[in-house]
Amino acid sequence: MEDPIDVSYYIGVQSAETLGNLDVPLNNGQIVSINLIDELPDDPNELIGFLQGEKCACQYWISVASAYARLNKLNEAMEIINATNGLSQFNDEDKKSFQSFQIWLYFKYISLGIDKETNLIQVSSEINNLSQKIKTDNTTNAANSTSNILSQAVLFLYQGRDDDALDIFDRILRIDQNNCFALLGKAQAILNKTKNYSLALKLYQQVLILNPMMKPDPRLGIGLCFWFLKDDRMAFQSWERSLELDDHNLKAKIFLNLAKFHQTFNNSLTDEEFLDNYKLCLTELSKLNKSNPNDSIILLPLASYYFSKGDYELVEKLIKKVVKNITGYESLIKFNSFNRVSKYESNVLSQCATWFGRIQFANNDFTQASKYFQEAIKLKDTNIVAKLGLGQSQYNRGSIEEAIMTFESILRSNVKCLEVNYSLGLLYSKQKSKRKQDMAIQILERYIRLSNNRGLASSNKDDIEFMLNKEPVTLNAYLVLSKLYESTDINQSLNYLNKAIESRKHIGKDVPLEIYNNIGVFNFMKQNYDESSKNFQTALDKVESNEFKSDDGDLLIDLPQDLKVSLNFNLARSKEISNVSEALEIYETLLQECPHYFSAKLRILFLNCISDRGMTKEEIKTEIEELLNSNASDLEIRSFYGWFAKNFGKRLGLQADADTKHQKDTLVEYDSHDCYALISLANIYCIMARDTKGSNDDQKKKQQKYYMRGIELFTKVLSLDSKNVYAAQGLAISYIENKEPNKGLDILRKIRDSLNDISVYLNLGHVLCELKQFGKGIENYELALGRFTDGKDSKILSFLGRAWYLRAHSEKNLGFYKRALEYTRLALDSVKGGSKASIRFNIAYVNFQIAEFITKQSISQRNVEDIENAINGLKDAIEILNELSSDEEKHPPYPKEELKSRANLGTNTLLNRLTTALQETRESLAEVEHKLEIAKQVMKEEEEAKLKEEEAKLAALAEKEKLLAQERAALQEQAQQWAEEQRSNIVDEGGDEEDDDLFNEESKSKKDKKRKATAPTKGGPKKKKKKRAKKGIVDDSEEESARSSGESDVENDNESKTTSPKKKKKVLSNEFINDSDDDLDDDDLFGENDEEEEDKQDESNGKANGADEDDEDED
């Protein structure tokens, strides 16, 4: 069986049953039990009379008053306390207790917002009076003294003096560290001052351990700390546990209700789930409001609900009620004269001012709304909603700069706030400053990143959690970003439009057709005509399926038809390249629906002009003239007529300067700022400048004058339309042709960044080659060839051949000449129809240049293969020149006489020089090869001599090794012989006992000699000696080991001679072996000589020995 989870868990079942009962002893000895929960009368006079009659002690009066106070019947509680005045049974301590209780009753009045200002003054006075009494009376008990100090701290909290309150709580806790009320007060002061939720949580948990039944319940504070520490589960558990112990705990119910609201707003997966949870939360909130109609925490969520319903009058009533509960006034304006409020109350009043501001904002009274938002910010400087409202009010009042400053101040302290990033980004986007627009891009992109990253900081990072916290991005953010990038990066602009479609589909909302239209336009500009057509068609389908209504809800009947006209025109424009017939059909349909739609008519005429289908040029001329006569002031028609006159006027018999006169008439008679007319005139001046040829000064001045006039006209167009790339490119070309290539180059580079067109890259290639920057020029030609063609454009290939030739000529590089010839041949292969004479001449010319370049090379730089190729190329070039100079060629690139003379020069002179060069090169190569053969032979002989010398050295070394081996063998044999002779001369003259004595004496004398010989100097280290065994008789096994030892010694001795001279051992041998004991001391039969040699070696190496090791040797 589970343990009880109610209050009986802490105080026991019996105590829990009698918790609400007060047992009062009577005068006759009996006891009366009063139920202070269920049987408390509404009129306290009955209980007052009973307590007076029985002359009850102080604690019974306070218990009854406390019961009324817990039910918020404060007047009744005060009446009971006041009834104690003048009663004789109470002493001074009792009176102090009543006065102390009265102080806490005043705090209860203040917490409920009842005549707050008056009660604060009254409670301050009562605390001072009680303090004076306590100071003058040394017999005051600790309870009253502590209560008075705590009441002073609470007063400081109400007055916003958190530091003073914290000092008092700390002082009490130093005296009594288990004072629960002081711990609760300290936690509240810390939260007010520093928002240190971790420290406050520890204090609340300490109170819970000390007194689980403490009122107010510390679980409320624990839940709040967990909530702000992002542990929602523990917060819920804390508040639910508090409610289990006291099902009447209003604060626990409010906290749980607000937490459920939070979960509903943030964790609802579907709209249905949201509605169900929201209704449940509202139902609980309404129940709480009925039981506590004046609680500010309940009224504020209700105000939010009614504001969302648009019931602003009811919202205003609720907010005024909250303000009156706190300040005693309904208006915040009167509250300005109020002196002190707690931080909590200041926060609540800030929320109230914010709601007043939102009401005024909704009523379009932006001035009054600004005042309320400013008041809210004064009450709480971190109220971000009020700051956002202030910025919006300033913007709607027309104070754009003030709004920007407000949002900038918010952004500095709230970088991750979505609303301020979005609002400030939109405001920056409307500024003309390029810097502001760049900042708008940065801020709006950050807004999108923040929206997409919401929820990633959560510990649970699965897909559901991510989608739950991901904030939908406002569609307008994508559209504004697309517009901002439109002038600088069309790809990025298109990318944001595609993201806008994805975001709308993700949240299940329809995509506006304008987005598809814009995507179609951008794809058209990028020459993605198929993709452009698809998007225009999608937009058209949406026009058919959607209804269009005004803001008032009225159906817009004409709008769909107007949209269809524009979208159909765009669709036809996108199909002009892929399907001209379909495009013409769409234009014809548009003209039937809108006969005066000149743009469609002009496109029909233009397509007929360039395609030679349908209408003849005369018919087109007639149509244009009719349009021009009926709409003489239409600049689009006039521009098209000027283009037509320029391109087809000579064929149709128009005057040579018809287009010039037409453009001048446009500028003079109709619009002096018509960009097309200005560009046309500028181009005419540039043509006139090119046609002005001559080397005298007058001709040069005239040519320069034409160029300057063209430059002026192009500059004027750019002043009217700064993004007109045609004028910018014309200006660049004019500068280049006027011998100012650097200016032209700068302009072309800027155009390249904004216009993705082949002409820009070709012009850049031309001017870079003129500036001798051949590498960059070639790069631009290759970009134009690869990006805008199929790689077989003969014109661009010829440009590449020319650029490589110029580079080869400048850098004197044969490889570059070969590249030039390669590209020129590719250009010849890519020619589709027409004359190939000029390109064939270019091939011949490059071959001539290669031949001449090779003849001027030094012999060491020439290559037989290159010369042979040059001879073949020169022969081909001579043949080409002869063909071009023949009678069959109708359009030779140069006069035939010059071509013939050039061919003869090649035959008679250049070819002979190449042949001579080839012969010289071959002879030089033969001579070099002969010298190389001689050098190789010499090197071979030297290597053979060295090899023989090495072999001789190796043979001598082998012979020497052989002799050394023979010597070692002889020495080993002699050593063995000596050992046998020495062993045969040993005579055993006595018994074992005598031999032992002789051996011991001998060993002792030898050890003494060794100690003298190896004794260390004073202070020097001792040397370590090896131990050896004592033997008096040598048996056969020992003889064998001695023999092998002797052999190994000899071998080691020989090896040490060759490897390490420092470790050589001198082999000593006696010619005669004496039998005397003295001679025996010198023999090495028992390996003592080896030991002595080792001892000497140890001494020379400086190895230290201990004295105790010597003792072991003696033993």
Foldseek 3Di string as FASTA:
>chain_A
DDDDLAPCSPVHDVCVVCVQWDWFAAPVGDTDIDRLAPRLDPACVVVLVVCLVRVTDLVVLQVNLVSCVVVVVLVNSVVSLVSCPPRPSDDPLSVLVSLLSVLVSLVSCQVQLNVNVVSLVVSVVSLVVSVVVCVVDVPHDPVSVLSSLLSVLVSCQFQANLVVSLVSLVVVCVVPVLPLSSLQSNLVSCCQPPVPLVVSLVSLVSSCVSPVPDPVHSLQSNLVSCVVVVNNVSSLVSLVSVCSHPVPPLSSLLVVLVSLVVCLVQPDPDPVSSVVSVVVSVVSLVVSCVVPVQDLSSLLVVLVVVVVVVVLVVSLVSLLSNVCSNQVGSDVVVVVPPRGGHLVSLLSNLSSLQSVLVSCVVVVVLVSSLVSLVSSCVSPVLPVSSLLSNLVSCVSVVNLVVSLVSLVVVCVVCVLDLSSLQVNLVSLLPDPDPVSPVVSLVSLVSSQVSLQCFQVPDPDNDPSSSVSGRHQDDLVSLQSNLVSCQQFPLVVSLVSLVVSCVSCVVVPHDDQLVSLQVNLVSCVQVVVLVSSLVSLVVSLVCLVVDWDADPVGHTDDCVSVVVNLVSLLSNLVSCCVVPVVVSLVSLVVSCVVPVPPVVSVLVNLVSCVVPVPDDDLVVSLVVLVVVCVVCVQPLVSLLSVLVSCCPCVVVVVHDPCVSVVSLVCNLPPHNVLNLSSLLVQLVVLLVVLVVQDDDDPVSLVSSLVSLVSSLVSLVSNCVVPVSPLSSLQSNLVSCVVNVNNVVSLVSLVVSVSRHVDLVSLQVNLVSCVVVVVLVSSLVSLVCSCPVPHPNQALVSLLSNLVSLVSNCVVVVDLVSLVSSLVSLVSSLVSDDDDDPQVSLLVNLVSLLVSLVSQLPDDLVPDDLVSLVVSLVSNVSSLVSLVVLLDPVNPDHPDHSVVSNVVSVCSVPPSNVSSVVSNVVSVVVVVVVVVVVVVVVVVVVVVVVVVVVVVVVVVVVVVVVVVVVVVVLVVVLVVLLVQLVVQVVPADDPDDPVVLVVLQLVLVVVVLVVVCVVQPDDVPAFHFFFDAADDDSDQDPVNSVVVSVVSSVVSVVQVVCVPPPVVLHDDDDDDPDQDHDPVSVSPDCSRPVVVRVSVRVVRVVVRDGDDPVSSVVNND
